[in-house]
Amino acid sequence: MARSPAWASRPKTRGLVLDVIRAARSISRVELAAATGLTGATISEVVRELLGDGLVVEAGRGAPTGGKPRTLVQLNPTARYGVGVHLERNTCVIVVVDLAGRPVARTSFQGVASLPPERALPMVAAQVDALLTTAAVERGKVLGVGLVSYGPQDRGAGVLLTPQPTEEWRDHPVAPRLAEHLGLPVLLDNDAAAAAIGEYWLGAVEPHSTYGCIYMATGIGGGVVVGGEVYRGSSSNTAEIGHISIDVHGDDCPCGNVGCLENYAGPSALVRQALETPGLARRLALDPAADNFLTEFARIAAAANAGDTEARALVERSARYLGHAAVTLAVLFDLDLIVLAGQSFAVAGSTYQAVIQQELDRRLFSRRAHPVRVVPSVNGSDAAAIGGAVLVLQSELTLGRGRPEDGPRPVPAGAAEAP
């Protein structure tokens, strides 16, 4: 069914109004006009349209202000859903979130990394289908799937440009193939960028702030959000702080750089360093043949938290390196906040948070102008998967899409929208 002229003529206006409603939780039409700068007549028409589409609902009346109490509106969480799929080197996490960004179902499984994409993607699709069925989510309400993974990527083509986990994944059109299996649009994005935007959607950051996200799972990534939008750069491969060189005389990295942060401070680096410490490796029963660095890293982090001096020294050294990267990120983008997200921070976050905060307080160029706080992600170890689903939901807000009769549509990288 074709869109109505009113729908097609103002996607930005609808998106603006819906985003303000999301951020405010509940708000009156008068307050919407003040917050957006739109006329009362425009607000009334857009809200009427959103109510008709089921995206918002009326939520009682606000406090008296001397006249008739104003009717409040808020998002209808069950109106639409997004699916987030996080493809990691060892694990795949899938979440379903409602329009408010709240997870309603989750599953995870291993084994994807050991399979070629032609076998792995049908397995992922089957898991998504099963999760939607278990959660009793109507497929017509699902806007799409946010597939998030490490970079580099070609978001427009939905292609990974890396030979990880194996060479077969390089240049494979993961997003188009997964979309074919699911019959749903699939958006490919960076896991750190996804984790960063998830904080914005759930109201964990100020709406107009400029903040960064350091993401650490098996590797280290980064993302920057400016006024609710991910900073993309020329190819959407920005803020890859894991591949900032911290030693110009360091070892070669598979990315092509030398002395990369990830090779000194990432979980695999800590596991390698622990294995080179015989007493520690023996105490923690570390397996030199293990290929799941997250499990081995978790053992090191648990020992550090329990007071093992050698384990703690390794974690603190990693945190110092990350503090160096955080200072670089904050200087480049003049950040207000840095969020720590990912599975590795979930098990060792307190140490990293304290050390990175110390480095920023001591070394940041702009520290006298304003502080930069370091905080843990509100989405915990599933931050990337939840953020992937949020990226799909955000396309609903910013472009005004999501009517079931129109069908959800992917948002291509760099797509222009009508004013």
Protein backbone atom coordinates (compact mmCIF):
# COMPACT_ATOMS: atom_id res chain seq x y z
CA MET A 1 0.00 0.00 0.00
CA ALA A 2 1.36 3.42 -0.96
CA ARG A 3 2.11 5.99 1.70
CA SER A 4 -0.31 8.85 2.11
CA PRO A 5 0.89 12.29 0.93
CA ALA A 6 0.90 13.54 4.54
CA TRP A 7 3.09 10.62 5.62
CA ALA A 8 5.53 11.03 2.77
CA SER A 9 5.84 14.80 3.08
CA ARG A 10 7.27 15.09 6.58
CA PRO A 11 9.26 12.09 7.78
CA LYS A 12 11.69 14.38 9.58
CA THR A 13 8.90 16.11 11.46
CA ARG A 14 7.40 12.80 12.56
CA GLY A 15 10.81 11.53 13.53
CA LEU A 16 11.56 14.64 15.58
CA VAL A 17 8.26 14.48 17.45
CA LEU A 18 8.53 10.75 18.11
CA ASP A 19 12.12 11.11 19.36
CA VAL A 20 11.14 13.87 21.79
CA ILE A 21 8.30 11.70 23.09
CA ARG A 22 10.74 8.81 23.56
CA ALA A 23 13.25 10.94 25.45
CA ALA A 24 10.62 12.57 27.66
CA ARG A 25 8.86 9.28 28.53
CA SER A 26 5.56 11.19 28.74
CA ILE A 27 4.84 14.71 27.49
CA SER A 28 1.95 17.01 26.58
CA ARG A 29 1.31 18.50 23.16
CA VAL A 30 2.08 22.00 24.49
CA GLU A 31 5.44 20.75 25.79
CA LEU A 32 6.11 19.05 22.45
CA ALA A 33 5.57 22.34 20.63
CA ALA A 34 7.99 24.09 22.99
CA ALA A 35 10.62 21.35 22.67
CA THR A 36 10.49 21.07 18.87
CA GLY A 37 9.71 24.64 17.80
CA LEU A 38 6.77 23.38 15.73
CA THR A 39 3.38 25.03 15.74
CA GLY A 40 0.57 23.71 17.90
CA ALA A 41 -1.42 22.81 14.79
CA THR A 42 1.46 20.76 13.36
CA ILE A 43 2.00 18.99 16.68
CA SER A 44 -1.69 18.13 16.94
CA GLU A 45 -1.73 16.70 13.41
CA VAL A 46 1.47 14.67 13.86
CA VAL A 47 0.39 13.31 17.26
CA ARG A 48 -2.99 12.35 15.79
CA GLU A 49 -1.16 10.46 13.04
CA LEU A 50 1.14 8.72 15.54
CA LEU A 51 -1.85 7.73 17.67
CA GLY A 52 -3.57 6.36 14.59
CA ASP A 53 -0.50 4.29 13.72
CA GLY A 54 -0.38 2.95 17.27
CA LEU A 55 3.15 4.26 17.85
CA VAL A 56 2.07 6.44 20.78
CA VAL A 57 -0.76 6.28 23.28
CA GLU A 58 -2.38 8.80 25.61
CA ALA A 59 -1.17 8.41 29.19
CA GLY A 60 -3.49 10.35 31.46
CA ARG A 61 -3.17 13.98 32.41
CA GLY A 62 -0.27 16.04 33.68
CA ALA A 63 -0.12 18.10 36.86
CA PRO A 64 -2.43 21.17 36.95
CA THR A 65 -0.80 24.38 35.71
CA GLY A 66 -3.63 26.80 36.46
CA GLY A 67 -5.88 25.68 33.65
CA LYS A 68 -7.25 22.43 32.29
CA PRO A 69 -4.78 19.56 32.92
CA ARG A 70 -2.95 18.63 29.73
CA THR A 71 -3.23 15.17 28.19
CA LEU A 72 0.09 13.35 28.05
CA VAL A 73 1.33 11.04 25.32
CA GLN A 74 4.02 8.36 25.44
CA LEU A 75 5.49 5.64 23.25
CA ASN A 76 3.52 2.44 22.86
CA PRO A 77 6.31 -0.09 23.54
CA THR A 78 4.52 -3.03 21.93
CA ALA A 79 3.81 -1.17 18.67
CA ARG A 80 7.07 -2.22 16.99
CA TYR A 81 10.09 -4.39 17.73
CA GLY A 82 13.70 -4.62 16.63
CA VAL A 83 16.04 -7.61 16.60
CA GLY A 84 19.72 -7.33 17.40
CA VAL A 85 22.23 -9.99 16.34
CA HIS A 86 25.77 -9.69 17.66
CA LEU A 87 28.23 -11.85 15.77
CA GLU A 88 31.36 -12.23 17.90
CA ARG A 89 34.39 -14.41 17.26
CA ASN A 90 33.21 -17.02 19.75
CA THR A 91 29.56 -16.27 20.50
CA CYS A 92 26.38 -15.09 18.81
CA VAL A 93 23.90 -13.13 20.97
CA ILE A 94 20.37 -12.39 19.74
CA VAL A 95 17.91 -10.05 21.46
CA VAL A 96 14.42 -8.79 20.70
CA VAL A 97 13.62 -5.33 22.04
CA ASP A 98 10.40 -3.34 22.08
CA LEU A 99 9.96 0.22 20.80
CA ALA A 100 11.19 1.62 24.12
CA GLY A 101 14.43 -0.35 23.74
CA ARG A 102 13.65 -2.86 26.50
CA PRO A 103 14.75 -6.45 25.85
CA VAL A 104 11.84 -8.88 25.76
CA ALA A 105 13.73 -12.03 24.71
CA ARG A 106 17.34 -13.20 24.45
CA THR A 107 19.36 -16.21 23.38
CA SER A 108 23.02 -16.97 22.76
CA PHE A 109 24.96 -19.84 21.28
CA GLN A 110 28.46 -20.77 20.19
CA GLY A 111 29.84 -22.42 17.10
CA VAL A 112 29.23 -19.74 14.46
CA ALA A 113 32.92 -18.84 14.23
CA SER A 114 33.86 -22.39 13.30
CA LEU A 115 31.44 -22.48 10.36
CA PRO A 116 31.62 -20.88 6.92
CA PRO A 117 29.04 -18.10 6.45
CA GLU A 118 26.94 -20.25 4.09
CA ARG A 119 26.25 -22.59 7.03
CA ALA A 120 26.39 -20.09 9.89
CA LEU A 121 23.84 -17.56 8.60
CA PRO A 122 20.98 -20.09 8.20
CA MET A 123 21.69 -21.16 11.80
CA VAL A 124 21.44 -17.54 12.95
CA ALA A 125 18.20 -17.05 11.01
CA ALA A 126 16.69 -20.16 12.58
CA GLN A 127 17.57 -18.85 16.05
CA VAL A 128 15.97 -15.46 15.28
CA ASP A 129 12.79 -17.17 14.06
CA ALA A 130 12.66 -19.36 17.16
CA LEU A 131 13.19 -16.39 19.49
CA LEU A 132 10.40 -14.36 17.87
CA THR A 133 8.08 -17.35 18.23
CA THR A 134 9.03 -17.89 21.86
CA ALA A 135 8.49 -14.20 22.64
CA ALA A 136 5.11 -14.26 20.82
CA VAL A 137 6.12 -11.20 18.77
CA GLU A 138 4.04 -10.62 15.65
CA ARG A 139 6.36 -10.66 12.66
CA GLY A 140 4.47 -7.76 11.09
CA LYS A 141 5.59 -5.58 13.99
CA VAL A 142 9.29 -6.36 13.53
CA LEU A 143 11.04 -3.45 11.82
CA GLY A 144 14.14 -5.42 10.97
CA VAL A 145 17.39 -6.86 12.23
CA GLY A 146 20.51 -5.00 13.30
CA LEU A 147 23.47 -7.28 12.58
CA VAL A 148 26.51 -5.98 14.45
CA SER A 149 30.07 -7.23 14.38
CA TYR A 150 33.66 -6.03 14.24
CA GLY A 151 35.14 -4.00 11.43
CA PRO A 152 36.15 -2.93 8.94
CA GLN A 153 32.84 -3.10 7.09
CA ASP A 154 31.04 -1.86 4.03
CA ARG A 155 27.70 -0.94 5.63
CA GLY A 156 26.06 0.00 2.35
CA ALA A 157 26.74 -3.42 0.81
CA GLY A 158 26.34 -5.29 4.11
CA VAL A 159 29.79 -6.85 3.77
CA LEU A 160 32.52 -7.64 6.30
CA LEU A 161 35.96 -6.56 5.10
CA THR A 162 37.93 -8.71 7.51
CA PRO A 163 39.16 -12.34 7.39
CA GLN A 164 37.81 -12.95 10.89
CA PRO A 165 36.84 -15.37 12.20
CA THR A 166 38.10 -17.10 9.02
CA GLU A 167 39.08 -16.03 5.52
CA GLU A 168 35.71 -17.26 4.20
CA TRP A 169 33.96 -14.33 5.93
CA ARG A 170 35.97 -11.66 4.13
CA ASP A 171 33.85 -9.88 1.49
CA HIS A 172 30.89 -12.14 2.20
CA PRO A 173 27.54 -10.27 1.90
CA VAL A 174 26.40 -11.19 5.39
CA ALA A 175 23.53 -8.71 5.63
CA PRO A 176 21.88 -9.48 2.25
CA ARG A 177 22.21 -13.23 2.84
CA LEU A 178 20.73 -13.06 6.33
CA ALA A 179 17.90 -10.88 4.99
CA GLU A 180 17.12 -13.55 2.38
CA HIS A 181 16.93 -16.26 5.04
CA LEU A 182 14.71 -14.18 7.36
CA GLY A 183 12.54 -12.24 4.95
CA LEU A 184 13.35 -9.15 7.01
CA PRO A 185 15.59 -6.16 6.28
CA VAL A 186 19.04 -6.42 7.86
CA LEU A 187 21.28 -3.48 8.71
CA LEU A 188 25.00 -4.16 9.20
CA ASP A 189 26.89 -2.02 11.70
CA ASN A 190 29.88 -1.91 13.99
CA ASP A 191 29.39 -3.50 17.42
CA ALA A 192 30.95 -0.55 19.28
CA ALA A 193 28.82 2.00 17.42
CA ALA A 194 25.73 -0.07 18.22
CA ALA A 195 26.64 -0.28 21.90
CA ALA A 196 27.12 3.50 21.95
CA ILE A 197 23.72 4.38 20.45
CA GLY A 198 21.96 1.97 22.82
CA GLU A 199 22.90 4.26 25.72
CA TYR A 200 21.20 7.20 24.02
CA TRP A 201 18.00 5.33 23.30
CA LEU A 202 17.55 4.18 26.89
CA GLY A 203 18.12 7.68 28.25
CA ALA A 204 21.44 6.93 29.95
CA VAL A 205 23.09 10.02 28.42
CA GLU A 206 22.04 13.63 27.91
CA PRO A 207 20.22 13.97 24.57
CA HIS A 208 22.56 16.62 23.17
CA SER A 209 25.82 15.32 24.60
CA THR A 210 28.91 14.17 22.71
CA TYR A 211 30.08 10.90 24.17
CA GLY A 212 32.26 7.96 23.32
CA CYS A 213 32.03 4.25 23.86
CA ILE A 214 34.96 1.90 24.40
CA TYR A 215 33.81 -1.59 23.56
CA MET A 216 35.78 -4.64 24.68
CA ALA A 217 34.77 -8.23 24.03
CA THR A 218 37.42 -10.42 22.37
CA GLY A 219 38.75 -7.25 20.73
CA ILE A 220 38.65 -3.50 21.38
CA GLY A 221 36.52 -1.04 19.45
CA GLY A 222 35.11 2.44 19.82
CA GLY A 223 32.20 4.61 18.82
CA VAL A 224 31.24 8.29 19.11
CA VAL A 225 27.72 9.73 19.29
CA VAL A 226 27.00 13.41 18.66
CA GLY A 227 23.53 14.70 19.51
CA GLY A 228 21.96 11.25 19.23
CA GLU A 229 23.65 10.32 15.93
CA VAL A 230 26.61 7.98 15.47
CA TYR A 231 29.57 9.83 14.00
CA ARG A 232 30.24 7.90 10.79
CA GLY A 233 33.17 9.43 8.93
CA SER A 234 33.65 8.66 5.24
CA SER A 235 33.04 4.90 5.41
CA SER A 236 31.46 4.32 8.86
CA ASN A 237 34.68 2.79 10.21
CA THR A 238 35.37 5.48 12.80
CA ALA A 239 36.91 5.43 16.28
CA GLU A 240 38.55 2.02 15.88
CA ILE A 241 40.71 2.67 18.92
CA GLY A 242 41.83 -0.95 19.13
CA HIS A 243 44.00 -0.13 16.13
CA ILE A 244 45.50 3.10 17.38
CA SER A 245 49.26 2.60 17.43
CA ILE A 246 50.67 2.95 20.94
CA ASP A 247 54.15 1.74 19.96
CA VAL A 248 55.57 2.83 16.62
CA HIS A 249 58.25 0.15 17.01
CA GLY A 250 55.74 -2.53 18.00
CA ASP A 251 54.84 -5.76 16.28
CA ASP A 252 52.91 -5.85 13.03
CA CYS A 253 49.13 -6.14 13.40
CA PRO A 254 46.93 -8.06 10.93
CA CYS A 255 45.14 -4.75 10.28
CA GLY A 256 48.31 -3.41 8.61
CA ASN A 257 49.33 -1.04 11.41
CA VAL A 258 52.08 -1.62 14.00
CA GLY A 259 51.93 -1.57 17.79
CA CYS A 260 48.13 -1.58 17.97
CA LEU A 261 46.40 -1.07 21.33
CA GLU A 262 44.48 -4.35 21.01
CA ASN A 263 47.73 -6.31 20.93
CA TYR A 264 48.78 -4.86 24.30
CA ALA A 265 45.52 -4.41 26.20
CA GLY A 266 42.89 -6.72 24.67
CA PRO A 267 41.68 -9.93 26.30
CA SER A 268 43.81 -12.12 24.03
CA ALA A 269 46.89 -10.06 24.99
CA LEU A 270 46.14 -10.52 28.72
CA VAL A 271 45.67 -14.25 28.27
CA ARG A 272 48.98 -14.44 26.43
CA GLN A 273 50.70 -12.41 29.15
CA ALA A 274 49.19 -14.61 31.86
CA LEU A 275 50.38 -17.76 30.11
CA GLU A 276 53.87 -16.27 30.13
CA THR A 277 53.60 -15.93 33.92
CA PRO A 278 54.06 -19.58 34.99
CA GLY A 279 52.81 -19.26 38.55
CA LEU A 280 49.68 -17.39 37.50
CA ALA A 281 48.91 -19.69 34.57
CA ARG A 282 49.19 -22.69 36.87
CA ARG A 283 47.03 -21.17 39.63
CA LEU A 284 44.27 -20.24 37.20
CA ALA A 285 44.53 -23.48 35.19
CA LEU A 286 44.73 -21.48 31.96
CA ASP A 287 44.54 -23.55 28.79
CA PRO A 288 47.19 -22.53 26.24
CA ALA A 289 45.21 -24.28 23.50
CA ALA A 290 41.90 -22.51 24.26
CA ASP A 291 40.47 -20.40 21.45
CA ASN A 292 37.78 -18.73 23.58
CA PHE A 293 39.73 -15.81 25.01
CA LEU A 294 36.68 -14.49 26.89
CA THR A 295 36.55 -17.56 29.15
CA GLU A 296 40.26 -17.39 29.93
CA PHE A 297 40.13 -13.61 30.38
CA ALA A 298 37.23 -14.01 32.81
CA ARG A 299 39.42 -16.26 34.96
CA ILE A 300 42.14 -13.62 35.07
CA ALA A 301 39.61 -10.89 35.91
CA ALA A 302 38.03 -12.98 38.66
CA ALA A 303 41.47 -13.61 40.20
CA ALA A 304 42.27 -9.89 40.02
CA ASN A 305 38.98 -9.04 41.72
CA ALA A 306 39.79 -11.61 44.42
CA GLY A 307 43.14 -9.97 45.20
CA ASP A 308 45.65 -12.00 43.18
CA THR A 309 48.49 -9.50 42.79
CA GLU A 310 49.86 -10.86 39.51
CA ALA A 311 46.42 -11.01 37.88
CA ARG A 312 45.58 -7.54 39.13
CA ALA A 313 48.85 -6.17 37.75
CA LEU A 314 47.97 -7.48 34.30
CA VAL A 315 44.46 -6.02 34.39
CA GLU A 316 45.70 -2.64 35.65
CA ARG A 317 48.36 -2.49 32.94
CA SER A 318 45.67 -3.18 30.33
CA ALA A 319 43.53 -0.45 31.89
CA ARG A 320 46.42 2.04 31.68
CA TYR A 321 46.77 1.37 27.99
CA LEU A 322 43.02 1.86 27.55
CA GLY A 323 43.26 5.07 29.58
CA HIS A 324 45.82 6.28 27.03
CA ALA A 325 43.36 5.50 24.22
CA ALA A 326 40.49 7.15 26.12
CA VAL A 327 42.50 10.36 26.43
CA THR A 328 43.17 10.28 22.68
CA LEU A 329 39.48 9.70 21.91
CA ALA A 330 38.38 12.47 24.29
CA VAL A 331 40.91 14.95 22.86
CA LEU A 332 39.88 14.25 19.26
CA PHE A 333 36.13 14.59 19.85
CA ASP A 334 35.97 16.79 23.00
CA LEU A 335 33.78 14.23 24.76
CA ASP A 336 31.49 14.73 27.76
CA LEU A 337 31.36 11.06 28.71
CA ILE A 338 32.94 7.69 27.98
CA VAL A 339 30.87 4.51 28.29
CA LEU A 340 32.53 1.13 28.87
CA ALA A 341 30.60 -1.69 27.18
CA GLY A 342 31.08 -5.33 26.26
CA GLN A 343 31.56 -8.73 27.85
CA SER A 344 35.10 -8.09 29.06
CA PHE A 345 34.15 -4.92 30.92
CA ALA A 346 31.23 -6.82 32.43
CA VAL A 347 33.68 -9.04 34.35
CA ALA A 348 36.42 -6.49 35.10
CA GLY A 349 34.72 -3.14 34.72
CA SER A 350 35.37 -1.67 38.15
CA THR A 351 39.15 -1.77 37.74
CA TYR A 352 39.03 -0.42 34.18
CA GLN A 353 36.60 2.33 35.12
CA ALA A 354 38.74 3.55 38.02
CA VAL A 355 42.03 3.50 36.10
CA ILE A 356 40.65 5.08 32.91
CA GLN A 357 39.00 7.82 35.00
CA GLN A 358 42.36 8.52 36.68
CA GLU A 359 44.09 8.84 33.32
CA LEU A 360 41.46 11.26 32.01
CA ASP A 361 41.52 13.37 35.18
CA ARG A 362 45.31 13.59 35.04
CA ARG A 363 46.11 13.93 31.35
CA LEU A 364 43.14 15.27 29.39
CA PHE A 365 43.78 18.48 27.46
CA SER A 366 40.31 19.90 28.23
CA ARG A 367 40.12 18.80 31.88
CA ARG A 368 40.04 22.43 33.13
CA ALA A 369 37.19 23.28 30.77
CA HIS A 370 34.96 20.35 31.71
CA PRO A 371 35.23 16.90 33.28
CA VAL A 372 34.83 13.66 31.33
CA ARG A 373 33.12 10.90 33.28
CA VAL A 374 33.67 7.18 32.73
CA VAL A 375 30.60 5.02 33.32
CA PRO A 376 29.58 1.39 32.72
CA SER A 377 27.02 0.62 30.04
CA VAL A 378 23.42 0.32 31.19
CA ASN A 379 23.09 -2.66 28.82
CA GLY A 380 25.81 -4.80 30.37
CA SER A 381 27.40 -7.58 28.38
CA ASP A 382 24.59 -7.49 25.76
CA ALA A 383 25.21 -3.83 24.87
CA ALA A 384 26.15 -4.53 21.25
CA ALA A 385 23.17 -6.80 20.53
CA ILE A 386 20.72 -4.39 22.17
CA GLY A 387 22.33 -1.53 20.29
CA GLY A 388 21.90 -3.41 17.03
CA ALA A 389 18.17 -3.64 17.66
CA VAL A 390 18.12 0.04 18.64
CA LEU A 391 19.71 1.02 15.32
CA VAL A 392 16.69 -0.51 13.62
CA LEU A 393 14.34 1.35 15.96
CA GLN A 394 16.21 4.60 15.38
CA SER A 395 15.55 4.32 11.67
CA GLU A 396 11.86 4.35 12.61
CA LEU A 397 12.32 7.57 14.55
CA THR A 398 14.62 9.52 12.29
CA LEU A 399 12.90 8.61 9.02
CA GLY A 400 9.33 8.19 10.22
CA ARG A 401 9.01 4.65 8.88
CA GLY A 402 7.37 1.64 10.37
CA ARG A 403 3.78 1.38 9.18
CA PRO A 404 3.05 -2.34 8.82
CA GLU A 405 1.44 -1.82 5.42
CA ASP A 406 4.56 -0.14 4.10
CA GLY A 407 6.85 -2.82 5.43
CA PRO A 408 10.09 -2.13 7.25
CA ARG A 409 12.93 -0.98 5.08
CA PRO A 410 16.67 -0.99 5.63
CA VAL A 411 18.39 2.38 5.79
CA PRO A 412 21.36 2.37 3.40
CA ALA A 413 24.56 4.07 4.53
CA GLY A 414 24.59 7.70 3.48
CA ALA A 415 20.98 7.66 2.31
CA ALA A 416 19.43 11.07 1.94
CA GLU A 417 15.99 11.74 3.35
CA ALA A 418 13.29 14.07 2.26
CA PRO A 419 12.98 17.34 4.20
